[in-house]
């Protein structure tokens, strides 16, 4: 189960994932785990990344544009790990 502090951190990261906002290198490294593509591991806060950022509405995982497009084309799959929560989606 996600704690309130973890959810607040995730929400702050979501708000930073726009091309208009630059994040300093120490913060990019600090929040790398929360702000990386869940498939390829690319840090989506990196100023070199120019693509769209996608978030799964079920599990909250983030994806770079390239990996998202590959999932949509069926080239890679995305699964939802089961948590100790009530299953709503399978």
Protein backbone atom coordinates (compact mmCIF):
# COMPACT_ATOMS: atom_id res chain seq x y z
CA UNK A 1 0.00 0.00 0.00
CA UNK A 2 1.27 3.47 -0.89
CA UNK A 3 1.75 5.86 2.00
CA UNK A 4 0.51 9.42 1.95
CA UNK A 5 4.11 10.72 1.76
CA UNK A 6 4.83 8.49 -1.26
CA UNK A 7 1.67 9.69 -2.99
CA UNK A 8 2.60 13.32 -2.33
CA UNK A 9 6.08 12.72 -3.78
CA UNK A 10 4.58 11.03 -6.86
CA UNK A 11 2.19 13.94 -7.38
CA UNK A 12 5.05 16.45 -7.15
CA UNK A 13 7.02 14.45 -9.72
CA UNK A 14 3.99 14.35 -12.07
CA UNK A 15 3.80 18.14 -11.90
CA UNK A 16 7.47 18.42 -12.90
CA UNK A 17 7.18 16.21 -15.97
CA UNK A 18 6.68 19.02 -18.45
CA UNK A 19 9.18 20.43 -20.96
CA UNK A 20 8.83 23.93 -19.49
CA UNK A 21 10.30 22.91 -16.12
CA UNK A 22 14.02 22.28 -15.71
CA UNK A 23 15.16 20.22 -12.73
CA UNK A 24 18.69 20.44 -11.30
CA UNK A 25 20.95 17.41 -11.62
CA UNK A 26 20.99 16.54 -7.87
CA UNK A 27 17.17 16.44 -7.83
CA UNK A 28 17.03 14.44 -11.09
CA UNK A 29 19.23 11.84 -9.42
CA UNK A 30 17.34 11.95 -6.12
CA UNK A 31 13.97 11.35 -7.78
CA UNK A 32 15.22 9.11 -10.59
CA UNK A 33 13.33 6.06 -9.30
CA UNK A 34 10.02 7.91 -9.22
CA UNK A 35 10.55 9.71 -12.54
CA UNK A 36 11.91 6.98 -14.81
CA UNK A 37 10.22 4.97 -17.53
CA UNK A 38 9.15 1.68 -15.99
CA UNK A 39 10.22 -0.25 -19.10
CA UNK A 40 13.56 1.19 -20.29
CA UNK A 41 14.57 3.12 -17.17
CA UNK A 42 15.07 6.46 -18.93
CA UNK A 43 14.97 9.37 -16.47
CA UNK A 44 12.03 11.44 -17.70
CA UNK A 45 13.26 14.52 -15.82
CA UNK A 46 16.43 14.59 -17.93
CA UNK A 47 16.54 17.77 -20.05
CA UNK A 48 17.65 15.69 -23.05
CA UNK A 49 14.31 13.82 -23.03
CA UNK A 50 11.87 15.65 -25.32
CA UNK A 51 9.06 13.11 -25.76
CA UNK A 52 5.70 12.76 -24.09
CA UNK A 53 5.35 11.14 -20.67
CA UNK A 54 2.56 8.61 -20.15
CA UNK A 55 1.16 7.27 -16.90
CA UNK A 56 -0.87 4.10 -16.48
CA UNK A 57 -4.10 5.16 -14.74
CA UNK A 58 -4.30 1.82 -12.94
CA UNK A 59 -0.84 1.36 -11.43
CA UNK A 60 0.64 4.85 -11.81
CA UNK A 61 3.77 3.67 -13.62
CA UNK A 62 5.40 6.15 -15.98
CA UNK A 63 6.45 5.46 -19.57
CA UNK A 64 8.49 7.33 -22.15
CA UNK A 65 6.86 7.95 -25.51
CA UNK A 66 8.91 5.26 -27.26
CA UNK A 67 7.98 2.50 -24.80
CA UNK A 68 4.33 3.60 -24.73
CA UNK A 69 4.14 3.37 -28.52
CA UNK A 70 5.75 -0.08 -28.42
CA UNK A 71 3.13 -1.23 -25.89
CA UNK A 72 0.33 0.15 -28.05
CA UNK A 73 1.76 -1.74 -31.05
CA UNK A 74 1.97 -4.95 -29.00
CA UNK A 75 5.77 -5.15 -29.23
CA UNK A 76 6.14 -5.13 -25.43
CA UNK A 77 3.66 -5.80 -22.64
CA UNK A 78 2.89 -4.04 -19.39
CA UNK A 79 1.68 -6.02 -16.42
CA UNK A 80 0.36 -4.85 -13.10
CA UNK A 81 2.12 -6.39 -10.12
CA UNK A 82 -0.27 -7.55 -7.48
CA UNK A 83 -0.12 -5.65 -4.23
CA UNK A 84 -1.66 -6.47 -0.88
CA UNK A 85 -4.64 -4.43 -1.96
CA UNK A 86 -8.10 -5.39 -3.08
CA UNK A 87 -8.00 -6.42 -6.72
CA UNK A 88 -10.04 -4.07 -8.88
CA UNK A 89 -8.25 -4.67 -12.16
CA UNK A 90 -6.76 -7.93 -13.38
